[in-house]
Each structure stands twice: as C-alpha cells, then as structure tokens.
C-alpha cells in the first residue's frame, strides 16, 4: 500500500471516531453540547461572560447588567453582544 492511502485511511478513521463521539454525546445526554455562553447555565453560574460584554463593562460604554434591556446590546445574552453595536 502506498503511504498516501494509509494517511487517507487514518484521516477517515479519525473523522469517523469524532463523529461517533459527538453522536454518543447526543444520544446519551439527549441534547447537543451547549457551548453558547448566553444559554449555558454552568458558565453563567461560574460568572463567565463573553469578551464583548466584559470589554463594554470595563469601558463603561454599555449597561451590561442582567436587568438591562436586550436592545442595549448585552443583558447577559452573548448573541446580542456583537462588535457592530
């Protein structure tokens, strides 16, 4: 066998292994891995915030408290914290 076929075979096996691992997580837990800061309760409990929200809080350019309006840009929702605002 040529080295090219061996490398392609190993790459296919590695991708298959990772797809299987992600599928098992979905099957066992019953939901996708929640990596979004705005919806992950464990990240919120630990006080992790998105980088844009932290920068705005330090600069004082936006009110990023939990009680602020979502229209202001942060309000604990990282999907609302975009660089354009």
N, C-alpha and C. Protein backbone atom coordinates (compact mmCIF):
# COMPACT_ATOMS: atom_id res chain seq x y z
N UNK A 1 0.84 -1.19 0.00
CA UNK A 1 0.00 0.00 0.00
C UNK A 1 0.88 1.24 0.00
N UNK A 2 0.42 2.23 -0.66
CA UNK A 2 1.20 3.46 -0.68
C UNK A 2 0.93 4.28 0.58
N UNK A 3 1.85 5.15 0.87
CA UNK A 3 1.72 6.00 2.05
C UNK A 3 0.51 6.92 1.97
N UNK A 4 0.15 7.33 0.78
CA UNK A 4 -0.99 8.22 0.61
C UNK A 4 -2.28 7.55 1.05
N UNK A 5 -2.46 6.28 0.66
CA UNK A 5 -3.67 5.55 1.06
C UNK A 5 -3.71 5.32 2.56
N UNK A 6 -2.58 5.09 3.17
CA UNK A 6 -2.52 4.90 4.62
C UNK A 6 -2.93 6.19 5.33
N UNK A 7 -2.42 7.32 4.90
CA UNK A 7 -2.75 8.61 5.52
C UNK A 7 -4.24 8.92 5.33
N UNK A 8 -4.77 8.68 4.13
CA UNK A 8 -6.19 8.93 3.88
C UNK A 8 -7.05 8.00 4.76
N UNK A 9 -6.66 6.77 4.89
CA UNK A 9 -7.39 5.82 5.74
C UNK A 9 -7.39 6.23 7.19
N UNK A 10 -6.25 6.68 7.70
CA UNK A 10 -6.17 7.14 9.09
C UNK A 10 -7.02 8.39 9.29
N UNK A 11 -7.01 9.29 8.31
CA UNK A 11 -7.82 10.50 8.41
C UNK A 11 -9.31 10.16 8.43
N UNK A 12 -9.74 9.23 7.60
CA UNK A 12 -11.14 8.81 7.57
C UNK A 12 -11.52 8.17 8.90
N UNK A 13 -10.67 7.33 9.44
CA UNK A 13 -10.95 6.71 10.74
C UNK A 13 -11.03 7.74 11.85
N UNK A 14 -10.15 8.74 11.83
CA UNK A 14 -10.17 9.78 12.86
C UNK A 14 -11.46 10.59 12.79
N UNK A 15 -11.86 10.99 11.61
CA UNK A 15 -13.10 11.75 11.44
C UNK A 15 -14.29 10.90 11.89
N UNK A 16 -14.31 9.64 11.52
CA UNK A 16 -15.38 8.74 11.95
C UNK A 16 -15.44 8.60 13.45
N UNK A 17 -14.29 8.52 14.09
CA UNK A 17 -14.23 8.41 15.55
C UNK A 17 -14.82 9.65 16.21
N UNK A 18 -14.50 10.84 15.70
CA UNK A 18 -15.01 12.07 16.29
C UNK A 18 -16.51 12.22 16.05
N UNK A 19 -16.99 11.83 14.88
CA UNK A 19 -18.43 11.88 14.60
C UNK A 19 -19.16 10.92 15.53
N UNK A 20 -18.61 9.74 15.72
CA UNK A 20 -19.21 8.77 16.64
C UNK A 20 -19.24 9.33 18.06
N UNK A 21 -18.18 9.97 18.49
CA UNK A 21 -18.13 10.55 19.83
C UNK A 21 -19.18 11.63 20.03
N UNK A 22 -19.34 12.50 19.05
CA UNK A 22 -20.36 13.54 19.14
C UNK A 22 -21.76 12.94 19.11
N UNK A 23 -21.94 11.90 18.32
CA UNK A 23 -23.24 11.25 18.25
C UNK A 23 -23.58 10.57 19.57
N UNK A 24 -22.62 9.95 20.20
CA UNK A 24 -22.87 9.32 21.50
C UNK A 24 -23.25 10.35 22.55
N UNK A 25 -22.62 11.50 22.52
CA UNK A 25 -22.97 12.56 23.46
C UNK A 25 -24.42 12.97 23.25
N UNK A 26 -24.82 13.11 22.02
CA UNK A 26 -26.20 13.48 21.71
C UNK A 26 -27.18 12.38 22.13
N UNK A 27 -26.82 11.13 21.88
CA UNK A 27 -27.71 10.02 22.21
C UNK A 27 -27.83 9.84 23.72
N UNK A 28 -26.72 9.89 24.44
CA UNK A 28 -26.73 9.65 25.88
C UNK A 28 -27.36 10.81 26.64
N UNK A 29 -26.94 12.04 26.34
CA UNK A 29 -27.45 13.20 27.07
C UNK A 29 -28.79 13.68 26.53
N UNK A 30 -29.09 13.38 25.30
CA UNK A 30 -30.36 13.78 24.73
C UNK A 30 -30.39 15.19 24.17
N UNK A 31 -29.26 15.85 24.14
CA UNK A 31 -29.20 17.20 23.57
C UNK A 31 -27.78 17.48 23.11
N UNK A 32 -27.65 18.53 22.27
CA UNK A 32 -26.33 18.92 21.80
C UNK A 32 -25.54 19.55 22.94
N UNK A 33 -24.23 19.57 22.80
CA UNK A 33 -23.38 20.22 23.78
C UNK A 33 -23.65 21.72 23.73
N UNK A 34 -23.96 22.32 24.88
CA UNK A 34 -24.32 23.73 24.94
C UNK A 34 -23.06 24.54 25.21
N UNK A 35 -22.48 25.09 24.16
CA UNK A 35 -21.24 25.86 24.31
C UNK A 35 -21.46 27.36 24.22
N UNK A 36 -22.71 27.79 24.04
CA UNK A 36 -23.02 29.22 23.95
C UNK A 36 -23.08 29.82 25.36
N UNK A 37 -22.33 30.87 25.59
CA UNK A 37 -22.25 31.47 26.92
C UNK A 37 -23.61 31.96 27.39
N UNK A 38 -24.42 32.47 26.50
CA UNK A 38 -25.69 33.05 26.92
C UNK A 38 -26.71 32.01 27.38
N UNK A 39 -26.57 30.76 26.99
CA UNK A 39 -27.55 29.74 27.35
C UNK A 39 -27.00 28.64 28.25
N UNK A 40 -25.70 28.61 28.48
CA UNK A 40 -25.10 27.57 29.31
C UNK A 40 -25.18 27.98 30.78
N UNK A 41 -26.00 27.28 31.55
CA UNK A 41 -26.23 27.62 32.96
C UNK A 41 -24.95 27.47 33.79
N UNK A 42 -24.12 26.49 33.47
CA UNK A 42 -22.89 26.28 34.24
C UNK A 42 -21.91 27.44 34.03
N UNK A 43 -21.78 27.93 32.80
CA UNK A 43 -20.91 29.08 32.54
C UNK A 43 -21.43 30.33 33.25
N UNK A 44 -22.76 30.52 33.23
CA UNK A 44 -23.34 31.66 33.91
C UNK A 44 -23.12 31.57 35.41
N UNK A 45 -23.24 30.37 35.98
CA UNK A 45 -23.04 30.17 37.42
C UNK A 45 -21.61 30.52 37.82
N UNK A 46 -20.67 30.21 36.95
CA UNK A 46 -19.27 30.50 37.24
C UNK A 46 -18.88 31.94 36.93
N UNK A 47 -19.80 32.71 36.37
CA UNK A 47 -19.55 34.11 36.09
C UNK A 47 -18.80 34.37 34.80
N UNK A 48 -18.80 33.41 33.89
CA UNK A 48 -18.12 33.57 32.60
C UNK A 48 -18.99 34.43 31.70
N UNK A 49 -18.39 35.43 31.08
CA UNK A 49 -19.11 36.33 30.19
C UNK A 49 -18.38 36.36 28.85
N UNK A 50 -19.11 36.81 27.82
CA UNK A 50 -18.46 36.91 26.51
C UNK A 50 -17.48 38.09 26.53
N UNK A 51 -16.51 38.06 25.67
CA UNK A 51 -15.45 39.06 25.65
C UNK A 51 -15.98 40.45 25.37
N UNK A 52 -16.96 40.55 24.49
CA UNK A 52 -17.53 41.86 24.15
C UNK A 52 -18.23 42.44 25.37
N UNK A 53 -18.97 41.60 26.10
CA UNK A 53 -19.67 42.08 27.28
C UNK A 53 -18.68 42.54 28.35
N UNK A 54 -17.60 41.79 28.58
CA UNK A 54 -16.60 42.19 29.56
C UNK A 54 -15.93 43.50 29.17
N UNK A 55 -15.62 43.66 27.89
CA UNK A 55 -14.98 44.89 27.42
C UNK A 55 -15.90 46.07 27.62
N UNK A 56 -17.17 45.91 27.29
CA UNK A 56 -18.12 47.01 27.47
C UNK A 56 -18.30 47.35 28.94
N UNK A 57 -18.29 46.36 29.82
CA UNK A 57 -18.42 46.64 31.24
C UNK A 57 -17.20 47.40 31.75
N UNK A 58 -16.00 47.02 31.29
CA UNK A 58 -14.78 47.70 31.74
C UNK A 58 -14.70 49.12 31.20
N UNK A 59 -15.11 49.31 29.94
CA UNK A 59 -15.07 50.65 29.33
C UNK A 59 -16.19 51.54 29.82
N UNK A 60 -17.26 50.93 30.31
CA UNK A 60 -18.42 51.70 30.71
C UNK A 60 -19.21 52.22 29.53
N UNK A 61 -19.04 51.60 28.36
CA UNK A 61 -19.72 52.08 27.15
C UNK A 61 -21.12 51.53 27.02
N UNK A 62 -21.48 50.51 27.79
CA UNK A 62 -22.83 49.96 27.70
C UNK A 62 -23.22 49.41 29.06
N UNK A 63 -24.49 49.43 29.31
CA UNK A 63 -25.02 48.85 30.53
C UNK A 63 -25.23 47.37 30.28
N UNK A 64 -24.35 46.53 30.81
CA UNK A 64 -24.41 45.10 30.54
C UNK A 64 -24.84 44.32 31.77
N UNK A 65 -25.70 44.90 32.57
CA UNK A 65 -26.18 44.17 33.74
C UNK A 65 -27.27 43.20 33.30
N UNK A 66 -27.62 42.28 34.18
CA UNK A 66 -28.64 41.29 33.86
C UNK A 66 -30.01 41.95 33.68
N UNK A 67 -30.21 43.10 34.29
CA UNK A 67 -31.53 43.74 34.23
C UNK A 67 -31.66 44.72 33.09
N UNK A 68 -30.61 44.96 32.33
CA UNK A 68 -30.68 45.94 31.25
C UNK A 68 -31.47 45.39 30.08
N UNK A 69 -31.91 46.27 29.24
CA UNK A 69 -32.73 45.90 28.09
C UNK A 69 -31.89 45.16 27.06
N UNK A 70 -32.44 44.10 26.43
CA UNK A 70 -31.70 43.40 25.38
C UNK A 70 -31.39 44.30 24.18
N UNK A 71 -32.15 45.37 24.03
CA UNK A 71 -31.91 46.27 22.92
C UNK A 71 -30.62 47.06 23.09
N UNK A 72 -30.09 47.10 24.33
CA UNK A 72 -28.86 47.83 24.57
C UNK A 72 -27.64 47.04 24.15
N UNK A 73 -27.79 45.76 23.92
CA UNK A 73 -26.67 45.03 23.34
C UNK A 73 -26.14 43.90 24.15
N UNK A 74 -26.24 43.91 25.48
CA UNK A 74 -25.65 42.80 26.23
C UNK A 74 -26.69 42.05 27.03
N UNK A 75 -27.08 42.57 28.17
CA UNK A 75 -28.11 41.98 29.02
C UNK A 75 -27.88 40.49 29.29
N UNK A 76 -26.63 40.04 29.41
CA UNK A 76 -26.33 38.66 29.70
C UNK A 76 -26.53 37.72 28.53
N UNK A 77 -26.83 38.25 27.37
CA UNK A 77 -27.07 37.43 26.19
C UNK A 77 -25.95 37.66 25.21
N UNK A 78 -25.07 36.72 25.06
CA UNK A 78 -23.89 36.92 24.23
C UNK A 78 -24.24 37.03 22.75
N UNK A 79 -25.37 36.47 22.36
CA UNK A 79 -25.75 36.60 20.95
C UNK A 79 -26.11 38.04 20.62
N UNK A 80 -26.47 38.82 21.64
CA UNK A 80 -26.78 40.23 21.43
C UNK A 80 -25.51 41.09 21.46
N UNK A 81 -24.43 40.54 21.99
CA UNK A 81 -23.18 41.29 22.10
C UNK A 81 -22.38 41.12 20.82
N UNK A 82 -22.59 41.98 19.88
CA UNK A 82 -21.77 41.92 18.68
C UNK A 82 -20.91 43.16 18.59
N UNK A 83 -19.87 43.07 17.83
CA UNK A 83 -18.89 44.14 17.74
C UNK A 83 -19.46 45.35 17.02
N UNK A 84 -20.46 45.14 16.19
CA UNK A 84 -21.01 46.22 15.40
C UNK A 84 -21.74 47.26 16.23
N UNK A 85 -22.28 46.84 17.39
CA UNK A 85 -23.07 47.76 18.20
C UNK A 85 -22.20 48.67 19.02
